[in-house]
Amino acid sequence: MEVALDVIWDELVARGRELDIDGVDSPLLDKVTAIQGLLDVLGIYESAERLNAMVEFLVSNGLEPLPGHGAYSGASIDAWLESVGAADARSAR
């Protein structure tokens, strides 16, 4: 899992830069810390607890929570994309 997260991290950063998306890098979270935090979250068996831990992990590290959760509870994917500065990302796919 750790190797997969490492590769995914690099691919997401590269794609975010290709799309010129602001916020690709978090000032509070480096790659090693992110991967360890994600491994901790993914190790939680119970799904609701794991989802809550993921939202908390994102928010506590200065990242936006997942669409429909935390501050974006009830938000559409389009509203979430606009809020995080990636509204044009859908057209770039």
PDB file of N, CA and C in Angstrom:
ATOM      1  N   MET A   1       0.826  -1.183   0.000  1.00  0.00           N
ATOM      2  CA  MET A   1       0.000   0.000   0.000  1.00  0.00           C
ATOM      3  C   MET A   1       0.881   1.261   0.000  1.00  0.00           C
ATOM      4  N   GLU A   2       1.952   1.218   0.776  1.00  0.00           N
ATOM      5  CA  GLU A   2       2.810   2.402   0.871  1.00  0.00           C
ATOM      6  C   GLU A   2       3.421   2.774  -0.483  1.00  0.00           C
ATOM      7  N   VAL A   3       3.862   1.778  -1.233  1.00  0.00           N
ATOM      8  CA  VAL A   3       4.448   2.036  -2.546  1.00  0.00           C
ATOM      9  C   VAL A   3       3.394   2.614  -3.490  1.00  0.00           C
ATOM     10  N   ALA A   4       2.200   2.071  -3.445  1.00  0.00           N
ATOM     11  CA  ALA A   4       1.117   2.572  -4.299  1.00  0.00           C
ATOM     12  C   ALA A   4       0.801   4.028  -3.973  1.00  0.00           C
ATOM     13  N   LEU A   5       0.721   4.373  -2.694  1.00  0.00           N
ATOM     14  CA  LEU A   5       0.445   5.748  -2.302  1.00  0.00           C
ATOM     15  C   LEU A   5       1.565   6.690  -2.743  1.00  0.00           C
ATOM     16  N   ASP A   6       2.800   6.220  -2.685  1.00  0.00           N
ATOM     17  CA  ASP A   6       3.935   7.017  -3.132  1.00  0.00           C
ATOM     18  C   ASP A   6       3.806   7.356  -4.618  1.00  0.00           C
ATOM     19  N   VAL A   7       3.490   6.360  -5.423  1.00  0.00           N
ATOM     20  CA  VAL A   7       3.342   6.571  -6.870  1.00  0.00           C
ATOM     21  C   VAL A   7       2.129   7.450  -7.167  1.00  0.00           C
ATOM     22  N   ILE A   8       1.030   7.193  -6.485  1.00  0.00           N
ATOM     23  CA  ILE A   8      -0.182   7.992  -6.687  1.00  0.00           C
ATOM     24  C   ILE A   8       0.077   9.444  -6.323  1.00  0.00           C
ATOM     25  N   TRP A   9       0.790   9.685  -5.228  1.00  0.00           N
ATOM     26  CA  TRP A   9       1.125  11.054  -4.821  1.00  0.00           C
ATOM     27  C   TRP A   9       1.832  11.782  -5.968  1.00  0.00           C
ATOM     28  N   ASP A  10       2.863  11.149  -6.502  1.00  0.00           N
ATOM     29  CA  ASP A  10       3.631  11.779  -7.579  1.00  0.00           C
ATOM     30  C   ASP A  10       2.764  12.050  -8.808  1.00  0.00           C
ATOM     31  N   GLU A  11       1.901  11.108  -9.153  1.00  0.00           N
ATOM     32  CA  GLU A  11       1.033  11.275 -10.320  1.00  0.00           C
ATOM     33  C   GLU A  11       0.022  12.402 -10.105  1.00  0.00           C
ATOM     34  N   LEU A  12      -0.549  12.469  -8.906  1.00  0.00           N
ATOM     35  CA  LEU A  12      -1.522  13.534  -8.625  1.00  0.00           C
ATOM     36  C   LEU A  12      -0.867  14.912  -8.628  1.00  0.00           C
ATOM     37  N   VAL A  13       0.310  15.023  -8.070  1.00  0.00           N
ATOM     38  CA  VAL A  13       1.028  16.290  -8.077  1.00  0.00           C
ATOM     39  C   VAL A  13       1.335  16.700  -9.518  1.00  0.00           C
ATOM     40  N   ALA A  14       1.814  15.769 -10.315  1.00  0.00           N
ATOM     41  CA  ALA A  14       2.132  16.074 -11.717  1.00  0.00           C
ATOM     42  C   ALA A  14       0.885  16.502 -12.478  1.00  0.00           C
ATOM     43  N   ARG A  15      -0.213  15.799 -12.277  1.00  0.00           N
ATOM     44  CA  ARG A  15      -1.458  16.151 -12.980  1.00  0.00           C
ATOM     45  C   ARG A  15      -1.984  17.505 -12.512  1.00  0.00           C
ATOM     46  N   GLY A  16      -1.905  17.767 -11.228  1.00  0.00           N
ATOM     47  CA  GLY A  16      -2.342  19.064 -10.711  1.00  0.00           C
ATOM     48  C   GLY A  16      -1.541  20.196 -11.310  1.00  0.00           C
ATOM     49  N   ARG A  17      -0.251  19.996 -11.465  1.00  0.00           N
ATOM     50  CA  ARG A  17       0.592  21.027 -12.077  1.00  0.00           C
ATOM     51  C   ARG A  17       0.271  21.193 -13.553  1.00  0.00           C
ATOM     52  N   GLU A  18       0.012  20.075 -14.249  1.00  0.00           N
ATOM     53  CA  GLU A  18      -0.382  20.152 -15.658  1.00  0.00           C
ATOM     54  C   GLU A  18      -1.642  20.995 -15.829  1.00  0.00           C
ATOM     55  N   LEU A  19      -2.570  20.826 -14.894  1.00  0.00           N
ATOM     56  CA  LEU A  19      -3.835  21.554 -14.949  1.00  0.00           C
ATOM     57  C   LEU A  19      -3.738  22.941 -14.342  1.00  0.00           C
ATOM     58  N   ASP A  20      -2.565  23.279 -13.821  1.00  0.00           N
ATOM     59  CA  ASP A  20      -2.332  24.577 -13.192  1.00  0.00           C
ATOM     60  C   ASP A  20      -3.310  24.823 -12.050  1.00  0.00           C
ATOM     61  N   ILE A  21      -3.493  23.794 -11.222  1.00  0.00           N
ATOM     62  CA  ILE A  21      -4.408  23.874 -10.087  1.00  0.00           C
ATOM     63  C   ILE A  21      -3.649  24.410  -8.881  1.00  0.00           C
ATOM     64  N   ASP A  22      -4.181  25.462  -8.293  1.00  0.00           N
ATOM     65  CA  ASP A  22      -3.600  26.003  -7.069  1.00  0.00           C
ATOM     66  C   ASP A  22      -3.764  24.994  -5.942  1.00  0.00           C
ATOM     67  N   GLY A  23      -2.836  25.012  -5.014  1.00  0.00           N
ATOM     68  CA  GLY A  23      -2.975  24.178  -3.828  1.00  0.00           C
ATOM     69  C   GLY A  23      -2.499  22.758  -3.993  1.00  0.00           C
ATOM     70  N   VAL A  24      -1.681  22.488  -5.015  1.00  0.00           N
ATOM     71  CA  VAL A  24      -1.174  21.133  -5.202  1.00  0.00           C
ATOM     72  C   VAL A  24      -0.307  20.728  -4.014  1.00  0.00           C
ATOM     73  N   ASP A  25       0.451  21.672  -3.491  1.00  0.00           N
ATOM     74  CA  ASP A  25       1.295  21.399  -2.325  1.00  0.00           C
ATOM     75  C   ASP A  25       0.654  21.992  -1.076  1.00  0.00           C
ATOM     76  N   SER A  26       0.688  21.243   0.017  1.00  0.00           N
ATOM     77  CA  SER A  26       0.184  21.732   1.294  1.00  0.00           C
ATOM     78  C   SER A  26       1.361  22.202   2.128  1.00  0.00           C
ATOM     79  N   PRO A  27       1.280  23.415   2.682  1.00  0.00           N
ATOM     80  CA  PRO A  27       2.380  23.883   3.530  1.00  0.00           C
ATOM     81  C   PRO A  27       2.490  23.094   4.836  1.00  0.00           C
ATOM     82  N   LEU A  28       1.456  22.353   5.191  1.00  0.00           N
ATOM     83  CA  LEU A  28       1.450  21.624   6.455  1.00  0.00           C
ATOM     84  C   LEU A  28       1.768  20.144   6.311  1.00  0.00           C
ATOM     85  N   LEU A  29       1.843  19.655   5.075  1.00  0.00           N
ATOM     86  CA  LEU A  29       1.897  18.214   4.883  1.00  0.00           C
ATOM     87  C   LEU A  29       2.889  17.846   3.789  1.00  0.00           C
ATOM     88  N   ASP A  30       3.962  17.162   4.180  1.00  0.00           N
ATOM     89  CA  ASP A  30       4.904  16.679   3.175  1.00  0.00           C
ATOM     90  C   ASP A  30       4.506  15.257   2.774  1.00  0.00           C
ATOM     91  N   LYS A  31       5.130  14.762   1.729  1.00  0.00           N
ATOM     92  CA  LYS A  31       4.777  13.459   1.166  1.00  0.00           C
ATOM     93  C   LYS A  31       4.890  12.323   2.184  1.00  0.00           C
ATOM     94  N   VAL A  32       5.982  12.266   2.924  1.00  0.00           N
ATOM     95  CA  VAL A  32       6.200  11.175   3.882  1.00  0.00           C
ATOM     96  C   VAL A  32       5.133  11.191   4.978  1.00  0.00           C
ATOM     97  N   THR A  33       4.855  12.378   5.504  1.00  0.00           N
ATOM     98  CA  THR A  33       3.844  12.507   6.557  1.00  0.00           C
ATOM     99  C   THR A  33       2.459  12.168   6.012  1.00  0.00           C
ATOM    100  N   ALA A  34       2.187  12.606   4.785  1.00  0.00           N
ATOM    101  CA  ALA A  34       0.891  12.317   4.164  1.00  0.00           C
ATOM    102  C   ALA A  34       0.688  10.817   4.001  1.00  0.00           C
ATOM    103  N   ILE A  35       1.696  10.152   3.485  1.00  0.00           N
ATOM    104  CA  ILE A  35       1.565   8.715   3.259  1.00  0.00           C
ATOM    105  C   ILE A  35       1.379   7.981   4.585  1.00  0.00           C
ATOM    106  N   GLN A  36       2.130   8.356   5.616  1.00  0.00           N
ATOM    107  CA  GLN A  36       1.964   7.702   6.912  1.00  0.00           C
ATOM    108  C   GLN A  36       0.563   7.953   7.468  1.00  0.00           C
ATOM    109  N   GLY A  37       0.083   9.184   7.337  1.00  0.00           N
ATOM    110  CA  GLY A  37      -1.268   9.497   7.804  1.00  0.00           C
ATOM    111  C   GLY A  37      -2.336   8.719   7.051  1.00  0.00           C
ATOM    112  N   LEU A  38      -2.157   8.602   5.739  1.00  0.00           N
ATOM    113  CA  LEU A  38      -3.114   7.835   4.939  1.00  0.00           C
ATOM    114  C   LEU A  38      -3.082   6.351   5.299  1.00  0.00           C
ATOM    115  N   LEU A  39      -1.893   5.821   5.539  1.00  0.00           N
ATOM    116  CA  LEU A  39      -1.799   4.420   5.967  1.00  0.00           C
ATOM    117  C   LEU A  39      -2.522   4.207   7.293  1.00  0.00           C
ATOM    118  N   ASP A  40      -2.369   5.158   8.209  1.00  0.00           N
ATOM    119  CA  ASP A  40      -3.070   5.067   9.494  1.00  0.00           C
ATOM    120  C   ASP A  40      -4.580   5.072   9.286  1.00  0.00           C
ATOM    121  N   VAL A  41      -5.057   5.992   8.439  1.00  0.00           N
ATOM    122  CA  VAL A  41      -6.495   6.089   8.173  1.00  0.00           C
ATOM    123  C   VAL A  41      -7.010   4.822   7.490  1.00  0.00           C
ATOM    124  N   LEU A  42      -6.274   4.353   6.483  1.00  0.00           N
ATOM    125  CA  LEU A  42      -6.718   3.174   5.740  1.00  0.00           C
ATOM    126  C   LEU A  42      -6.671   1.896   6.585  1.00  0.00           C
ATOM    127  N   GLY A  43      -5.956   1.947   7.688  1.00  0.00           N
ATOM    128  CA  GLY A  43      -5.903   0.805   8.592  1.00  0.00           C
ATOM    129  C   GLY A  43      -7.111   0.695   9.510  1.00  0.00           C
ATOM    130  N   ILE A  44      -7.996   1.663   9.465  1.00  0.00           N
ATOM    131  CA  ILE A  44      -9.209   1.637  10.293  1.00  0.00           C
ATOM    132  C   ILE A  44     -10.232   0.747   9.601  1.00  0.00           C
ATOM    133  N   TYR A  45     -10.697  -0.266  10.281  1.00  0.00           N
ATOM    134  CA  TYR A  45     -11.591  -1.259   9.679  1.00  0.00           C
ATOM    135  C   TYR A  45     -13.006  -0.731   9.437  1.00  0.00           C
ATOM    136  N   GLU A  46     -13.598  -0.089  10.432  1.00  0.00           N
ATOM    137  CA  GLU A  46     -15.000   0.330  10.348  1.00  0.00           C
ATOM    138  C   GLU A  46     -15.136   1.511   9.388  1.00  0.00           C
ATOM    139  N   SER A  47     -16.012   1.396   8.394  1.00  0.00           N
ATOM    140  CA  SER A  47     -16.061   2.366   7.297  1.00  0.00           C
ATOM    141  C   SER A  47     -16.418   3.787   7.729  1.00  0.00           C
ATOM    142  N   ALA A  48     -17.404   3.961   8.582  1.00  0.00           N
ATOM    143  CA  ALA A  48     -17.786   5.304   9.013  1.00  0.00           C
ATOM    144  C   ALA A  48     -16.658   5.950   9.817  1.00  0.00           C
ATOM    145  N   GLU A  49     -16.029   5.168  10.654  1.00  0.00           N
ATOM    146  CA  GLU A  49     -14.902   5.668  11.437  1.00  0.00           C
ATOM    147  C   GLU A  49     -13.734   6.044  10.504  1.00  0.00           C
ATOM    148  N   ARG A  50     -13.497   5.217   9.478  1.00  0.00           N
ATOM    149  CA  ARG A  50     -12.425   5.493   8.513  1.00  0.00           C
ATOM    150  C   ARG A  50     -12.713   6.779   7.730  1.00  0.00           C
ATOM    151  N   LEU A  51     -13.956   6.973   7.297  1.00  0.00           N
ATOM    152  CA  LEU A  51     -14.321   8.188   6.571  1.00  0.00           C
ATOM    153  C   LEU A  51     -14.149   9.413   7.455  1.00  0.00           C
ATOM    154  N   ASN A  52     -14.613   9.340   8.689  1.00  0.00           N
ATOM    155  CA  ASN A  52     -14.450  10.464   9.615  1.00  0.00           C
ATOM    156  C   ASN A  52     -12.978  10.764   9.870  1.00  0.00           C
ATOM    157  N   ALA A  53     -12.170   9.720   9.987  1.00  0.00           N
ATOM    158  CA  ALA A  53     -10.731   9.907  10.185  1.00  0.00           C
ATOM    159  C   ALA A  53     -10.096  10.555   8.957  1.00  0.00           C
ATOM    160  N   MET A  54     -10.560  10.197   7.763  1.00  0.00           N
ATOM    161  CA  MET A  54     -10.017  10.788   6.539  1.00  0.00           C
ATOM    162  C   MET A  54     -10.362  12.273   6.467  1.00  0.00           C
ATOM    163  N   VAL A  55     -11.605  12.620   6.761  1.00  0.00           N
ATOM    164  CA  VAL A  55     -12.002  14.027   6.757  1.00  0.00           C
ATOM    165  C   VAL A  55     -11.182  14.797   7.785  1.00  0.00           C
ATOM    166  N   GLU A  56     -11.018  14.255   8.980  1.00  0.00           N
ATOM    167  CA  GLU A  56     -10.223  14.903  10.025  1.00  0.00           C
ATOM    168  C   GLU A  56      -8.767  15.046   9.599  1.00  0.00           C
ATOM    169  N   PHE A  57      -8.212  14.021   8.975  1.00  0.00           N
ATOM    170  CA  PHE A  57      -6.839  14.058   8.483  1.00  0.00           C
ATOM    171  C   PHE A  57      -6.667  15.189   7.474  1.00  0.00           C
ATOM    172  N   LEU A  58      -7.583  15.312   6.540  1.00  0.00           N
ATOM    173  CA  LEU A  58      -7.501  16.369   5.531  1.00  0.00           C
ATOM    174  C   LEU A  58      -7.592  17.751   6.172  1.00  0.00           C
ATOM    175  N   VAL A  59      -8.603  17.956   6.985  1.00  0.00           N
ATOM    176  CA  VAL A  59      -8.842  19.264   7.595  1.00  0.00           C
ATOM    177  C   VAL A  59      -7.679  19.656   8.514  1.00  0.00           C
ATOM    178  N   SER A  60      -7.198  18.727   9.312  1.00  0.00           N
ATOM    179  CA  SER A  60      -6.122  19.054  10.247  1.00  0.00           C
ATOM    180  C   SER A  60      -4.800  19.348   9.546  1.00  0.00           C
ATOM    181  N   ASN A  61      -4.704  18.989   8.272  1.00  0.00           N
ATOM    182  CA  ASN A  61      -3.492  19.252   7.510  1.00  0.00           C
ATOM    183  C   ASN A  61      -3.676  20.370   6.488  1.00  0.00           C
ATOM    184  N   GLY A  62      -4.710  21.173   6.675  1.00  0.00           N
ATOM    185  CA  GLY A  62      -4.911  22.344   5.840  1.00  0.00           C
ATOM    186  C   GLY A  62      -5.441  22.047   4.456  1.00  0.00           C
ATOM    187  N   LEU A  63      -6.035  20.865   4.274  1.00  0.00           N
ATOM    188  CA  LEU A  63      -6.591  20.489   2.982  1.00  0.00           C
ATOM    189  C   LEU A  63      -8.108  20.497   3.057  1.00  0.00           C
ATOM    190  N   GLU A  64      -8.728  20.607   1.911  1.00  0.00           N
ATOM    191  CA  GLU A  64     -10.192  20.631   1.874  1.00  0.00           C
ATOM    192  C   GLU A  64     -10.737  19.225   2.101  1.00  0.00           C
ATOM    193  N   PRO A  65     -11.836  19.114   2.873  1.00  0.00           N
ATOM    194  CA  PRO A  65     -12.437  17.794   3.052  1.00  0.00           C
ATOM    195  C   PRO A  65     -13.056  17.309   1.738  1.00  0.00           C
ATOM    196  N   LEU A  66     -13.361  16.054   1.703  1.00  0.00           N
ATOM    197  CA  LEU A  66     -13.960  15.447   0.523  1.00  0.00           C
ATOM    198  C   LEU A  66     -15.314  16.085   0.217  1.00  0.00           C
ATOM    199  N   PRO A  67     -15.711  16.104  -1.060  1.00  0.00           N
ATOM    200  CA  PRO A  67     -17.031  16.656  -1.402  1.00  0.00           C
ATOM    201  C   PRO A  67     -18.121  15.941  -0.602  1.00  0.00           C
ATOM    202  N   GLY A  68     -19.052  16.708  -0.062  1.00  0.00           N
ATOM    203  CA  GLY A  68     -20.147  16.127   0.700  1.00  0.00           C
ATOM    204  C   GLY A  68     -19.829  15.875   2.163  1.00  0.00           C
ATOM    205  N   HIS A  69     -18.634  16.288   2.622  1.00  0.00           N
ATOM    206  CA  HIS A  69     -18.237  16.028   4.001  1.00  0.00           C
ATOM    207  C   HIS A  69     -17.672  17.286   4.637  1.00  0.00           C
ATOM    208  N   GLY A  70     -17.671  17.314   5.962  1.00  0.00           N
ATOM    209  CA  GLY A  70     -17.115  18.456   6.685  1.00  0.00           C
ATOM    210  C   GLY A  70     -17.756  19.752   6.231  1.00  0.00           C
ATOM    211  N   ALA A  71     -16.931  20.725   5.894  1.00  0.00           N
ATOM    212  CA  ALA A  71     -17.438  22.036   5.461  1.00  0.00           C
ATOM    213  C   ALA A  71     -18.216  21.944   4.157  1.00  0.00           C
ATOM    214  N   TYR A  72     -18.069  20.836   3.425  1.00  0.00           N
ATOM    215  CA  TYR A  72     -18.740  20.681   2.131  1.00  0.00           C
ATOM    216  C   TYR A  72     -19.881  19.677   2.183  1.00  0.00           C
ATOM    217  N   SER A  73     -20.404  19.437   3.369  1.00  0.00           N
ATOM    218  CA  SER A  73     -21.545  18.541   3.503  1.00  0.00           C
ATOM    219  C   SER A  73     -22.707  19.099   2.696  1.00  0.00           C
ATOM    220  N   GLY A  74     -23.234  18.296   1.814  1.00  0.00           N
ATOM    221  CA  GLY A  74     -24.346  18.729   0.969  1.00  0.00           C
ATOM    222  C   GLY A  74     -23.931  19.459  -0.285  1.00  0.00           C
ATOM    223  N   ALA A  75     -22.645  19.707  -0.465  1.00  0.00           N
ATOM    224  CA  ALA A  75     -22.175  20.418  -1.656  1.00  0.00           C
ATOM    225  C   ALA A  75     -22.085  19.464  -2.845  1.00  0.00           C
ATOM    226  N   SER A  76     -22.353  19.986  -4.016  1.00  0.00           N
ATOM    227  CA  SER A  76     -22.205  19.193  -5.233  1.00  0.00           C
ATOM    228  C   SER A  76     -20.727  19.111  -5.604  1.00  0.00           C
ATOM    229  N   ILE A  77     -20.386  18.193  -6.470  1.00  0.00           N
ATOM    230  CA  ILE A  77     -19.009  18.082  -6.920  1.00  0.00           C
ATOM    231  C   ILE A  77     -18.595  19.358  -7.652  1.00  0.00           C
ATOM    232  N   ASP A  78     -19.504  19.966  -8.402  1.00  0.00           N
ATOM    233  CA  ASP A  78     -19.177  21.215  -9.102  1.00  0.00           C
ATOM    234  C   ASP A  78     -18.884  22.347  -8.124  1.00  0.00           C
ATOM    235  N   ALA A  79     -19.670  22.450  -7.060  1.00  0.00           N
ATOM    236  CA  ALA A  79     -19.431  23.484  -6.046  1.00  0.00           C
ATOM    237  C   ALA A  79     -18.108  23.239  -5.339  1.00  0.00           C
ATOM    238  N   TRP A  80     -17.801  21.976  -5.059  1.00  0.00           N
ATOM    239  CA  TRP A  80     -16.538  21.629  -4.410  1.00  0.00           C
ATOM    240  C   TRP A  80     -15.357  21.969  -5.318  1.00  0.00           C
ATOM    241  N   LEU A  81     -15.440  21.599  -6.595  1.00  0.00           N
ATOM    242  CA  LEU A  81     -14.361  21.908  -7.539  1.00  0.00           C
ATOM    243  C   LEU A  81     -14.131  23.413  -7.631  1.00  0.00           C
ATOM    244  N   GLU A  82     -15.191  24.174  -7.672  1.00  0.00           N
ATOM    245  CA  GLU A  82     -15.050  25.631  -7.737  1.00  0.00           C
ATOM    246  C   GLU A  82     -14.397  26.159  -6.464  1.00  0.00           C
ATOM    247  N   SER A  83     -14.814  25.664  -5.321  1.00  0.00           N
ATOM    248  CA  SER A  83     -14.286  26.133  -4.050  1.00  0.00           C
ATOM    249  C   SER A  83     -12.799  25.844  -3.891  1.00  0.00           C
ATOM    250  N   VAL A  84     -12.339  24.707  -4.396  1.00  0.00           N
ATOM    251  CA  VAL A  84     -10.930  24.350  -4.247  1.00  0.00           C
ATOM    252  C   VAL A  84     -10.078  24.842  -5.410  1.00  0.00           C
ATOM    253  N   GLY A  85     -10.688  25.640  -6.297  1.00  0.00           N
ATOM    254  CA  GLY A  85      -9.926  26.237  -7.387  1.00  0.00           C
ATOM    255  C   GLY A  85      -9.700  25.333  -8.568  1.00  0.00           C
ATOM    256  N   ALA A  86     -10.542  24.332  -8.718  1.00  0.00           N
ATOM    257  CA  ALA A  86     -10.355  23.384  -9.820  1.00  0.00           C
ATOM    258  C   ALA A  86     -11.590  23.301 -10.717  1.00  0.00           C
ATOM    259  N   ALA A  87     -12.359  24.372 -10.788  1.00  0.00           N
ATOM    260  CA  ALA A  87     -13.598  24.347 -11.568  1.00  0.00           C
ATOM    261  C   ALA A  87     -13.331  24.021 -13.027  1.00  0.00           C
ATOM    262  N   ASP A  88     -12.198  24.418 -13.567  1.00  0.00           N
ATOM    263  CA  ASP A  88     -11.906  24.157 -14.970  1.00  0.00           C
ATOM    264  C   ASP A  88     -11.307  22.780 -15.193  1.00  0.00           C
ATOM    265  N   ALA A  89     -11.068  22.024 -14.125  1.00  0.00           N
ATOM    266  CA  ALA A  89     -10.431  20.711 -14.237  1.00  0.00           C
ATOM    267  C   ALA A  89     -11.309  19.715 -14.997  1.00  0.00           C
ATOM    268  N   ARG A  90     -12.609  19.850 -14.870  1.00  0.00           N
ATOM    269  CA  ARG A  90     -13.504  18.921 -15.569  1.00  0.00           C
ATOM    270  C   ARG A  90     -13.355  19.040 -17.078  1.00  0.00           C
ATOM    271  N   SER A  91     -13.180  20.230 -17.571  1.00  0.00           N
ATOM    272  CA  SER A  91     -13.043  20.406 -19.016  1.00  0.00           C
ATOM    273  C   SER A  91     -11.679  19.977 -19.516  1.00  0.00           C
ATOM    274  N   ALA A  92     -10.702  19.841 -18.626  1.00  0.00           N
ATOM    275  CA  ALA A  92      -9.342  19.463 -19.012  1.00  0.00           C
ATOM    276  C   ALA A  92      -9.154  17.955 -19.092  1.00  0.00           C
ATOM    277  N   ARG A  93     -10.171  17.193 -18.680  1.00  0.00           N
ATOM    278  CA  ARG A  93     -10.044  15.734 -18.692  1.00  0.00           C
ATOM    279  C   ARG A  93     -10.053  15.179 -20.065  1.00  0.00           C
TER     280      ARG A  93
END
